[in-house]
Amino acid sequence: MPSKAKLESNKEVVKGIVEDFKCAQGAVLVDYRGITVAQDTEFRAALRAAGVKYRIVKNTMTRFAVRELGLNDLEQYLTGPTALATSETDQAAPAKLLQEFAKKIDKLKIKAGLVEGKVIDTSGVDSLASLPTKEVLIAMVLGGFNAPISGFVNVLNGNLRGLVCALNAIVEKKNTNSEVV
């Protein structure tokens, strides 16, 4: 039986994992088995720079955390070495970075993900990673809103241009008629 101090320590670990999941917009579980220290260092630096929290988690502690949160679908992915990457601001950031590194580092395997409390499998993580950034999506939506307005302005300009051309033709015709008299 574990000592009281060890139990309290484990409870704090579980509490930390619960907080990571609760605060996360997006989270990804990976199997990091076999990566080198240099790869891990480069990987962690890139994640930190993007505002993604990354830590190794014990499957047993993570099981307690996901049960507490009602994320039971995530339990099936808690086998073998597991690391957790979470972002509080960007749903896709952990998926994008992990997928990018998984292409470089064959041994890094994406297990599953979590987006707004919904568990997604590896293909879901891949789909999330392939989405454009939030800023690009906003620009696309705004461009979509702007297109009908631009079209309307062009139609109005076309009618005005036609009216101006017609008035110029009338003025020129009157000028040529007045010169003949």
N, C-alpha and C. Protein backbone atom coordinates (compact mmCIF):
# COMPACT_ATOMS: atom_id res chain seq x y z
N MET A 1 0.84 -1.18 0.00
CA MET A 1 0.00 0.00 0.00
C MET A 1 0.89 1.24 0.00
N PRO A 2 0.60 2.19 -0.91
CA PRO A 2 1.43 3.40 -0.96
C PRO A 2 1.26 4.24 0.31
N SER A 3 2.30 4.98 0.61
CA SER A 3 2.26 5.83 1.78
C SER A 3 1.30 7.00 1.56
N LYS A 4 0.95 7.65 2.65
CA LYS A 4 0.02 8.78 2.58
C LYS A 4 0.62 9.92 1.75
N ALA A 5 1.91 10.14 1.89
CA ALA A 5 2.59 11.20 1.13
C ALA A 5 2.55 10.89 -0.37
N LYS A 6 2.75 9.63 -0.72
CA LYS A 6 2.71 9.23 -2.14
C LYS A 6 1.30 9.39 -2.70
N LEU A 7 0.28 9.03 -1.92
CA LEU A 7 -1.11 9.20 -2.35
C LEU A 7 -1.44 10.67 -2.60
N GLU A 8 -0.98 11.53 -1.69
CA GLU A 8 -1.22 12.97 -1.85
C GLU A 8 -0.51 13.50 -3.09
N SER A 9 0.71 13.00 -3.31
CA SER A 9 1.47 13.40 -4.49
C SER A 9 0.74 12.97 -5.76
N ASN A 10 0.23 11.76 -5.77
CA ASN A 10 -0.52 11.25 -6.93
C ASN A 10 -1.79 12.05 -7.17
N LYS A 11 -2.46 12.42 -6.09
CA LYS A 11 -3.69 13.23 -6.22
C LYS A 11 -3.37 14.58 -6.87
N GLU A 12 -2.23 15.16 -6.51
CA GLU A 12 -1.82 16.43 -7.10
C GLU A 12 -1.51 16.27 -8.59
N VAL A 13 -0.91 15.15 -8.95
CA VAL A 13 -0.61 14.88 -10.36
C VAL A 13 -1.91 14.76 -11.14
N VAL A 14 -2.86 14.00 -10.60
CA VAL A 14 -4.16 13.83 -11.27
C VAL A 14 -4.86 15.18 -11.39
N LYS A 15 -4.81 15.96 -10.32
CA LYS A 15 -5.42 17.30 -10.33
C LYS A 15 -4.81 18.16 -11.43
N GLY A 16 -3.49 18.08 -11.60
CA GLY A 16 -2.80 18.84 -12.66
C GLY A 16 -3.24 18.41 -14.05
N ILE A 17 -3.40 17.11 -14.26
CA ILE A 17 -3.84 16.59 -15.56
C ILE A 17 -5.28 17.01 -15.82
N VAL A 18 -6.13 16.97 -14.79
CA VAL A 18 -7.52 17.42 -14.93
C VAL A 18 -7.55 18.89 -15.34
N GLU A 19 -6.73 19.71 -14.70
CA GLU A 19 -6.66 21.14 -15.03
C GLU A 19 -6.19 21.34 -16.47
N ASP A 20 -5.18 20.57 -16.89
CA ASP A 20 -4.70 20.67 -18.27
C ASP A 20 -5.82 20.40 -19.25
N PHE A 21 -6.59 19.34 -19.00
CA PHE A 21 -7.69 19.00 -19.90
C PHE A 21 -8.80 20.05 -19.86
N LYS A 22 -9.13 20.53 -18.65
CA LYS A 22 -10.21 21.51 -18.52
C LYS A 22 -9.88 22.82 -19.23
N CYS A 23 -8.66 23.27 -19.11
CA CYS A 23 -8.25 24.55 -19.68
C CYS A 23 -7.92 24.46 -21.17
N ALA A 24 -7.77 23.27 -21.68
CA ALA A 24 -7.30 23.09 -23.06
C ALA A 24 -8.39 23.32 -24.09
N GLN A 25 -8.08 24.11 -25.09
CA GLN A 25 -8.92 24.22 -26.28
C GLN A 25 -8.70 22.98 -27.15
N GLY A 26 -7.45 22.54 -27.18
CA GLY A 26 -7.09 21.35 -27.94
C GLY A 26 -6.01 20.57 -27.20
N ALA A 27 -6.06 19.25 -27.32
CA ALA A 27 -5.07 18.39 -26.67
C ALA A 27 -4.79 17.19 -27.56
N VAL A 28 -3.56 16.70 -27.49
CA VAL A 28 -3.17 15.54 -28.28
C VAL A 28 -2.31 14.63 -27.42
N LEU A 29 -2.59 13.32 -27.50
CA LEU A 29 -1.79 12.31 -26.81
C LEU A 29 -0.85 11.68 -27.83
N VAL A 30 0.42 11.52 -27.46
CA VAL A 30 1.39 10.92 -28.37
C VAL A 30 2.21 9.84 -27.66
N ASP A 31 2.72 8.93 -28.47
CA ASP A 31 3.67 7.92 -28.01
C ASP A 31 5.04 8.41 -28.46
N TYR A 32 5.89 8.72 -27.52
CA TYR A 32 7.19 9.31 -27.81
C TYR A 32 8.32 8.28 -27.78
N ARG A 33 8.00 7.02 -27.69
CA ARG A 33 8.97 5.95 -27.53
C ARG A 33 10.00 5.97 -28.67
N GLY A 34 11.27 6.01 -28.30
CA GLY A 34 12.34 5.88 -29.29
C GLY A 34 12.90 7.17 -29.83
N ILE A 35 12.37 8.34 -29.42
CA ILE A 35 12.95 9.58 -29.94
C ILE A 35 14.20 9.92 -29.13
N THR A 36 15.12 10.60 -29.79
CA THR A 36 16.38 10.93 -29.13
C THR A 36 16.22 12.17 -28.26
N VAL A 37 17.19 12.42 -27.40
CA VAL A 37 17.16 13.58 -26.53
C VAL A 37 17.21 14.86 -27.38
N ALA A 38 18.02 14.86 -28.43
CA ALA A 38 18.12 16.03 -29.30
C ALA A 38 16.77 16.32 -29.98
N GLN A 39 16.11 15.28 -30.47
CA GLN A 39 14.81 15.45 -31.10
C GLN A 39 13.79 15.96 -30.09
N ASP A 40 13.84 15.39 -28.89
CA ASP A 40 12.91 15.80 -27.84
C ASP A 40 13.13 17.26 -27.46
N THR A 41 14.37 17.68 -27.36
CA THR A 41 14.70 19.06 -27.00
C THR A 41 14.19 20.02 -28.07
N GLU A 42 14.44 19.70 -29.34
CA GLU A 42 13.98 20.54 -30.45
C GLU A 42 12.45 20.61 -30.47
N PHE A 43 11.85 19.47 -30.26
CA PHE A 43 10.41 19.32 -30.26
C PHE A 43 9.77 20.17 -29.15
N ARG A 44 10.30 20.04 -27.94
CA ARG A 44 9.77 20.79 -26.80
C ARG A 44 9.95 22.30 -26.99
N ALA A 45 11.06 22.72 -27.55
CA ALA A 45 11.30 24.15 -27.79
C ALA A 45 10.27 24.72 -28.77
N ALA A 46 9.98 23.98 -29.82
CA ALA A 46 9.00 24.43 -30.81
C ALA A 46 7.60 24.51 -30.19
N LEU A 47 7.25 23.53 -29.37
CA LEU A 47 5.96 23.54 -28.70
C LEU A 47 5.84 24.72 -27.74
N ARG A 48 6.88 24.94 -26.97
CA ARG A 48 6.88 26.05 -26.00
C ARG A 48 6.73 27.39 -26.72
N ALA A 49 7.44 27.54 -27.84
CA ALA A 49 7.36 28.79 -28.61
C ALA A 49 5.95 29.04 -29.15
N ALA A 50 5.22 27.98 -29.41
CA ALA A 50 3.85 28.12 -29.92
C ALA A 50 2.82 28.19 -28.80
N GLY A 51 3.26 28.18 -27.55
CA GLY A 51 2.34 28.26 -26.43
C GLY A 51 1.64 26.95 -26.11
N VAL A 52 2.26 25.84 -26.51
CA VAL A 52 1.69 24.52 -26.26
C VAL A 52 2.42 23.89 -25.07
N LYS A 53 1.64 23.44 -24.09
CA LYS A 53 2.20 22.78 -22.91
C LYS A 53 2.37 21.30 -23.24
N TYR A 54 3.54 20.76 -22.93
CA TYR A 54 3.86 19.37 -23.26
C TYR A 54 4.47 18.71 -22.03
N ARG A 55 3.92 17.55 -21.68
CA ARG A 55 4.50 16.82 -20.55
C ARG A 55 4.21 15.33 -20.68
N ILE A 56 5.12 14.57 -20.08
CA ILE A 56 4.97 13.12 -20.02
C ILE A 56 3.97 12.84 -18.90
N VAL A 57 3.02 11.95 -19.17
CA VAL A 57 2.02 11.61 -18.15
C VAL A 57 1.99 10.10 -17.94
N LYS A 58 1.70 9.72 -16.71
CA LYS A 58 1.54 8.30 -16.41
C LYS A 58 0.12 7.92 -16.80
N ASN A 59 0.00 6.78 -17.47
CA ASN A 59 -1.31 6.33 -17.93
C ASN A 59 -2.30 6.14 -16.77
N THR A 60 -1.82 5.61 -15.66
CA THR A 60 -2.70 5.38 -14.51
C THR A 60 -3.27 6.70 -14.00
N MET A 61 -2.43 7.71 -13.87
CA MET A 61 -2.88 9.02 -13.39
C MET A 61 -3.83 9.66 -14.40
N THR A 62 -3.50 9.50 -15.67
CA THR A 62 -4.34 10.08 -16.72
C THR A 62 -5.71 9.39 -16.75
N ARG A 63 -5.73 8.09 -16.49
CA ARG A 63 -7.01 7.36 -16.42
C ARG A 63 -7.91 7.94 -15.33
N PHE A 64 -7.32 8.19 -14.17
CA PHE A 64 -8.11 8.80 -13.10
C PHE A 64 -8.65 10.17 -13.53
N ALA A 65 -7.82 10.94 -14.22
CA ALA A 65 -8.23 12.28 -14.66
C ALA A 65 -9.35 12.21 -15.69
N VAL A 66 -9.22 11.33 -16.70
CA VAL A 66 -10.25 11.26 -17.74
C VAL A 66 -11.55 10.70 -17.19
N ARG A 67 -11.47 9.80 -16.21
CA ARG A 67 -12.70 9.30 -15.57
C ARG A 67 -13.39 10.41 -14.80
N GLU A 68 -12.60 11.22 -14.13
CA GLU A 68 -13.16 12.35 -13.37
C GLU A 68 -13.87 13.34 -14.30
N LEU A 69 -13.33 13.50 -15.49
CA LEU A 69 -13.90 14.44 -16.46
C LEU A 69 -14.97 13.80 -17.34
N GLY A 70 -15.15 12.51 -17.24
CA GLY A 70 -16.14 11.83 -18.08
C GLY A 70 -15.67 11.62 -19.51
N LEU A 71 -14.37 11.58 -19.72
CA LEU A 71 -13.79 11.37 -21.05
C LEU A 71 -13.37 9.91 -21.21
N ASN A 72 -14.27 9.01 -20.93
CA ASN A 72 -13.95 7.58 -20.91
C ASN A 72 -13.47 7.06 -22.26
N ASP A 73 -13.88 7.69 -23.36
CA ASP A 73 -13.43 7.26 -24.69
C ASP A 73 -11.92 7.41 -24.85
N LEU A 74 -11.30 8.25 -24.05
CA LEU A 74 -9.87 8.49 -24.15
C LEU A 74 -9.05 7.37 -23.49
N GLU A 75 -9.67 6.58 -22.63
CA GLU A 75 -8.95 5.53 -21.89
C GLU A 75 -8.31 4.49 -22.81
N GLN A 76 -8.96 4.17 -23.92
CA GLN A 76 -8.43 3.13 -24.82
C GLN A 76 -7.07 3.52 -25.42
N TYR A 77 -6.74 4.80 -25.42
CA TYR A 77 -5.48 5.27 -26.00
C TYR A 77 -4.36 5.35 -24.96
N LEU A 78 -4.67 5.03 -23.72
CA LEU A 78 -3.68 5.15 -22.65
C LEU A 78 -2.92 3.84 -22.45
N THR A 79 -2.14 3.49 -23.46
CA THR A 79 -1.27 2.33 -23.39
C THR A 79 0.11 2.75 -23.86
N GLY A 80 1.12 2.17 -23.29
CA GLY A 80 2.49 2.51 -23.68
C GLY A 80 2.85 3.90 -23.19
N PRO A 81 4.06 4.35 -23.52
CA PRO A 81 4.48 5.68 -23.09
C PRO A 81 3.55 6.75 -23.68
N THR A 82 3.15 7.69 -22.84
CA THR A 82 2.21 8.71 -23.28
C THR A 82 2.68 10.09 -22.86
N ALA A 83 2.58 11.02 -23.81
CA ALA A 83 2.84 12.43 -23.53
C ALA A 83 1.58 13.20 -23.91
N LEU A 84 1.37 14.31 -23.23
CA LEU A 84 0.19 15.12 -23.44
C LEU A 84 0.60 16.52 -23.87
N ALA A 85 0.06 16.97 -24.99
CA ALA A 85 0.30 18.33 -25.47
C ALA A 85 -1.03 19.07 -25.45
N THR A 86 -1.07 20.23 -24.78
CA THR A 86 -2.31 21.00 -24.68
C THR A 86 -2.06 22.46 -25.02
N SER A 87 -3.11 23.09 -25.53
CA SER A 87 -3.06 24.53 -25.79
C SER A 87 -4.33 25.16 -25.25
N GLU A 88 -4.17 26.23 -24.50
CA GLU A 88 -5.31 26.93 -23.94
C GLU A 88 -5.91 27.93 -24.91
N THR A 89 -5.19 28.26 -25.99
CA THR A 89 -5.64 29.32 -26.88
C THR A 89 -6.00 28.84 -28.29
N ASP A 90 -5.37 27.79 -28.74
CA ASP A 90 -5.56 27.36 -30.13
C ASP A 90 -5.88 25.86 -30.17
N GLN A 91 -7.03 25.53 -30.73
CA GLN A 91 -7.46 24.13 -30.78
C GLN A 91 -6.54 23.29 -31.65
N ALA A 92 -6.04 23.86 -32.72
CA ALA A 92 -5.29 23.10 -33.70
C ALA A 92 -3.78 23.11 -33.48
N ALA A 93 -3.27 23.99 -32.65
CA ALA A 93 -1.81 24.12 -32.48
C ALA A 93 -1.13 22.82 -32.07
N PRO A 94 -1.62 22.11 -31.06
CA PRO A 94 -0.93 20.86 -30.70
C PRO A 94 -0.96 19.85 -31.86
N ALA A 95 -2.08 19.75 -32.53
CA ALA A 95 -2.21 18.79 -33.64
C ALA A 95 -1.26 19.16 -34.78
N LYS A 96 -1.20 20.44 -35.14
CA LYS A 96 -0.34 20.88 -36.24
C LYS A 96 1.13 20.59 -35.93
N LEU A 97 1.56 21.00 -34.74
CA LEU A 97 2.97 20.81 -34.38
C LEU A 97 3.34 19.35 -34.24
N LEU A 98 2.48 18.57 -33.60
CA LEU A 98 2.78 17.16 -33.43
C LEU A 98 2.79 16.41 -34.76
N GLN A 99 1.87 16.77 -35.64
CA GLN A 99 1.85 16.12 -36.94
C GLN A 99 3.11 16.49 -37.74
N GLU A 100 3.50 17.75 -37.66
CA GLU A 100 4.72 18.20 -38.35
C GLU A 100 5.95 17.43 -37.86
N PHE A 101 6.06 17.27 -36.55
CA PHE A 101 7.19 16.53 -35.99
C PHE A 101 7.07 15.04 -36.24
N ALA A 102 5.86 14.51 -36.28
CA ALA A 102 5.67 13.08 -36.56
C ALA A 102 6.14 12.74 -37.97
N LYS A 103 6.06 13.71 -38.89
CA LYS A 103 6.56 13.49 -40.26
C LYS A 103 8.09 13.45 -40.25
N LYS A 104 8.71 14.29 -39.41
CA LYS A 104 10.18 14.33 -39.32
C LYS A 104 10.72 13.16 -38.51
N ILE A 105 10.03 12.84 -37.42
CA ILE A 105 10.48 11.81 -36.48
C ILE A 105 9.53 10.63 -36.58
N ASP A 106 9.98 9.59 -37.28
CA ASP A 106 9.11 8.43 -37.52
C ASP A 106 8.60 7.78 -36.24
N LYS A 107 9.39 7.86 -35.19
CA LYS A 107 9.04 7.15 -33.95
C LYS A 107 7.96 7.86 -33.14
N LEU A 108 7.70 9.11 -33.42
CA LEU A 108 6.67 9.86 -32.71
C LEU A 108 5.31 9.49 -33.30
N LYS A 109 4.45 8.90 -32.50
CA LYS A 109 3.14 8.41 -32.98
C LYS A 109 2.01 9.14 -32.27
N ILE A 110 1.13 9.72 -33.05
CA ILE A 110 -0.05 10.38 -32.49
C ILE A 110 -1.07 9.31 -32.13
N LYS A 111 -1.58 9.37 -30.90
CA LYS A 111 -2.55 8.38 -30.43
C LYS A 111 -3.99 8.87 -30.60
N ALA A 112 -4.27 10.07 -30.09
CA ALA A 112 -5.64 10.60 -30.11
C ALA A 112 -5.58 12.08 -29.76
N GLY A 113 -6.74 12.71 -29.83
CA GLY A 113 -6.81 14.12 -29.49
C GLY A 113 -8.11 14.46 -28.78
N LEU A 114 -8.19 15.69 -28.36
CA LEU A 114 -9.36 16.20 -27.67
C LEU A 114 -9.59 17.63 -28.11
N VAL A 115 -10.79 17.90 -28.61
CA VAL A 115 -11.14 19.26 -29.04
C VAL A 115 -12.46 19.62 -28.38
N GLU A 116 -12.42 20.66 -27.56
CA GLU A 116 -13.61 21.15 -26.85
C GLU A 116 -14.38 20.01 -26.17
N GLY A 117 -13.65 19.12 -25.51
CA GLY A 117 -14.28 18.05 -24.76
C GLY A 117 -14.68 16.83 -25.57
N LYS A 118 -14.39 16.83 -26.86
CA LYS A 118 -14.73 15.69 -27.73
C LYS A 118 -13.45 14.94 -28.09
N VAL A 119 -13.47 13.64 -27.90
CA VAL A 119 -12.33 12.79 -28.21
C VAL A 119 -12.30 12.53 -29.72
N ILE A 120 -11.12 12.70 -30.32
CA ILE A 120 -10.95 12.41 -31.75
C ILE A 120 -9.82 11.41 -31.92
N ASP A 121 -9.94 10.56 -32.93
CA ASP A 121 -8.90 9.56 -33.18
C ASP A 121 -7.78 10.16 -34.02
N THR A 122 -6.85 9.34 -34.47
CA THR A 122 -5.70 9.80 -35.23
C THR A 122 -6.10 10.52 -36.51
N SER A 123 -7.09 9.99 -37.22
CA SER A 123 -7.53 10.65 -38.46
C SER A 123 -8.17 12.01 -38.16
N GLY A 124 -8.85 12.11 -37.02
CA GLY A 124 -9.42 13.40 -36.61
C GLY A 124 -8.33 14.41 -36.30
N VAL A 125 -7.26 13.95 -35.67
CA VAL A 125 -6.12 14.83 -35.39
C VAL A 125 -5.49 15.28 -36.69
N ASP A 126 -5.35 14.36 -37.65
CA ASP A 126 -4.80 14.72 -38.97
C ASP A 126 -5.66 15.77 -39.66
N SER A 127 -6.98 15.59 -39.60
CA SER A 127 -7.89 16.55 -40.21
C SER A 127 -7.78 17.91 -39.53
N LEU A 128 -7.70 17.92 -38.22
CA LEU A 128 -7.56 19.16 -37.47
C LEU A 128 -6.25 19.86 -37.83
N ALA A 129 -5.21 19.09 -37.99
CA ALA A 129 -3.90 19.66 -38.31
C ALA A 129 -3.87 20.26 -39.71
N SER A 130 -4.71 19.76 -40.60
CA SER A 130 -4.70 20.26 -41.98
C SER A 130 -5.55 21.51 -42.17
N LEU A 131 -6.30 21.89 -41.14
CA LEU A 131 -7.10 23.11 -41.24
C LEU A 131 -6.20 24.34 -41.30
N PRO A 132 -6.64 25.39 -42.02
CA PRO A 132 -5.87 26.64 -41.98
C PRO A 132 -5.94 27.25 -40.59
N THR A 133 -5.06 28.21 -40.32
CA THR A 133 -5.04 28.86 -39.02
C THR A 133 -6.32 29.68 -38.82
N LYS A 134 -6.58 30.02 -37.60
CA LYS A 134 -7.78 30.79 -37.26
C LYS A 134 -7.80 32.12 -38.02
N GLU A 135 -6.65 32.78 -38.12
CA GLU A 135 -6.56 34.06 -38.80
C GLU A 135 -6.90 33.91 -40.28
N VAL A 136 -6.42 32.85 -40.91
CA VAL A 136 -6.70 32.61 -42.33
C VAL A 136 -8.20 32.33 -42.52
N LEU A 137 -8.79 31.54 -41.63
CA LEU A 137 -10.22 31.26 -41.72
C LEU A 137 -11.05 32.54 -41.57
N ILE A 138 -10.67 33.40 -40.64
CA ILE A 138 -11.38 34.68 -40.47
C ILE A 138 -11.24 35.53 -41.72
N ALA A 139 -10.05 35.57 -42.30
CA ALA A 139 -9.84 36.33 -43.53
C ALA A 139 -10.69 35.78 -44.67
N MET A 140 -10.82 34.45 -44.74
CA MET A 140 -11.64 33.85 -45.79
C MET A 140 -13.12 34.22 -45.61
N VAL A 141 -13.59 34.20 -44.37
CA VAL A 141 -14.99 34.56 -44.11
C VAL A 141 -15.22 36.03 -44.44
N LEU A 142 -14.31 36.88 -44.01
CA LEU A 142 -14.46 38.31 -44.30
C LEU A 142 -14.40 38.57 -45.81
N GLY A 143 -13.54 37.83 -46.50
CA GLY A 143 -13.48 37.95 -47.95
C GLY A 143 -14.79 37.53 -48.59
N GLY A 144 -15.41 36.50 -48.02
CA GLY A 144 -16.71 36.06 -48.51
C GLY A 144 -17.79 37.11 -48.29
N PHE A 145 -17.72 37.80 -47.14
CA PHE A 145 -18.67 38.89 -46.89
C PHE A 145 -18.42 40.05 -47.83
N ASN A 146 -17.17 40.32 -48.13
CA ASN A 146 -16.79 41.48 -48.94
C ASN A 146 -17.12 41.27 -50.42
N ALA A 147 -17.11 40.04 -50.90
CA ALA A 147 -17.32 39.77 -52.33
C ALA A 147 -18.67 40.28 -52.84
N PRO A 148 -19.80 40.03 -52.18
CA PRO A 148 -21.07 40.56 -52.69
C PRO A 148 -21.10 42.09 -52.70
N ILE A 149 -20.50 42.70 -51.71
CA ILE A 149 -20.47 44.17 -51.65
C ILE A 149 -19.65 44.71 -52.81
N SER A 150 -18.50 44.09 -53.08
CA SER A 150 -17.66 44.53 -54.21
C SER A 150 -18.40 44.36 -55.53
N GLY A 151 -19.10 43.24 -55.66
CA GLY A 151 -19.88 43.02 -56.88
C GLY A 151 -20.96 44.07 -57.05
N PHE A 152 -21.63 44.42 -55.97
CA PHE A 152 -22.68 45.44 -56.02
C PHE A 152 -22.10 46.79 -56.42
N VAL A 153 -20.95 47.14 -55.84
CA VAL A 153 -20.29 48.40 -56.18
C VAL A 153 -19.91 48.40 -57.66
N ASN A 154 -19.40 47.29 -58.17
CA ASN A 154 -19.03 47.22 -59.59
C ASN A 154 -20.25 47.38 -60.49
N VAL A 155 -21.39 46.80 -60.10
CA VAL A 155 -22.62 46.96 -60.88
C VAL A 155 -23.04 48.42 -60.90
N LEU A 156 -23.00 49.04 -59.73
CA LEU A 156 -23.36 50.47 -59.66
C LEU A 156 -22.41 51.31 -60.49
N ASN A 157 -21.12 51.02 -60.40
CA ASN A 157 -20.14 51.76 -61.19
C ASN A 157 -20.36 51.55 -62.68
N GLY A 158 -20.71 50.32 -63.05
CA GLY A 158 -20.99 50.03 -64.46
C GLY A 158 -22.16 50.86 -64.97
N ASN A 159 -23.23 50.96 -64.21
CA ASN A 159 -24.40 51.77 -64.61
C ASN A 159 -24.03 53.24 -64.68
N LEU A 160 -23.27 53.70 -63.70
CA LEU A 160 -22.85 55.11 -63.73
C LEU A 160 -21.94 55.38 -64.92
N ARG A 161 -21.04 54.46 -65.21
CA ARG A 161 -20.14 54.61 -66.36
C ARG A 161 -20.95 54.70 -67.65
N GLY A 162 -21.95 53.83 -67.74
CA GLY A 162 -22.81 53.84 -68.93
C GLY A 162 -23.56 55.16 -69.04
N LEU A 163 -24.06 55.69 -67.94
CA LEU A 163 -24.76 56.97 -67.95
C LEU A 163 -23.83 58.10 -68.35
N VAL A 164 -22.62 58.10 -67.81
CA VAL A 164 -21.65 59.14 -68.16
C VAL A 164 -21.30 59.06 -69.64
N CYS A 165 -21.11 57.86 -70.16
CA CYS A 165 -20.80 57.70 -71.59
C CYS A 165 -21.96 58.23 -72.45
N ALA A 166 -23.18 57.91 -72.04
CA ALA A 166 -24.35 58.37 -72.79
C ALA A 166 -24.45 59.89 -72.75
N LEU A 167 -24.22 60.49 -71.59
CA LEU A 167 -24.26 61.95 -71.48
C LEU A 167 -23.16 62.60 -72.31
N ASN A 168 -21.98 62.01 -72.29
CA ASN A 168 -20.87 62.54 -73.12
C ASN A 168 -21.22 62.48 -74.60
N ALA A 169 -21.85 61.39 -75.01
CA ALA A 169 -22.24 61.25 -76.42
C ALA A 169 -23.25 62.32 -76.79
N ILE A 170 -24.21 62.60 -75.89
CA ILE A 170 -25.21 63.64 -76.17
C ILE A 170 -24.55 65.00 -76.26
N VAL A 171 -23.61 65.27 -75.33
CA VAL A 171 -22.90 66.56 -75.35
C VAL A 171 -22.11 66.69 -76.63
N GLU A 172 -21.40 65.65 -77.03
CA GLU A 172 -20.60 65.70 -78.26
C GLU A 172 -21.48 65.89 -79.48
N LYS A 173 -22.65 65.23 -79.48
CA LYS A 173 -23.57 65.36 -80.60
C LYS A 173 -24.10 66.78 -80.69
N LYS A 174 -24.42 67.37 -79.53
CA LYS A 174 -24.91 68.75 -79.52
C LYS A 174 -23.82 69.70 -79.96
N ASN A 175 -22.58 69.45 -79.53
CA ASN A 175 -21.46 70.29 -79.94
C ASN A 175 -21.22 70.22 -81.43
N THR A 176 -21.33 69.02 -82.01
CA THR A 176 -21.13 68.89 -83.46
C THR A 176 -22.30 69.52 -84.20
N ASN A 177 -23.51 69.42 -83.65
CA ASN A 177 -24.67 70.05 -84.31
C ASN A 177 -24.58 71.56 -84.23
N SER A 178 -24.11 72.14 -83.13
CA SER A 178 -24.01 73.57 -82.98
C SER A 178 -22.90 74.13 -83.87
N GLU A 179 -21.86 73.35 -84.15
CA GLU A 179 -20.77 73.80 -85.01
C GLU A 179 -21.23 73.83 -86.46
N VAL A 180 -22.17 72.97 -86.86
CA VAL A 180 -22.66 72.91 -88.22
C VAL A 180 -23.52 74.13 -88.52
N VAL A 181 -24.28 74.63 -87.62
CA VAL A 181 -25.20 75.74 -87.85
C VAL A 181 -24.49 77.01 -88.01
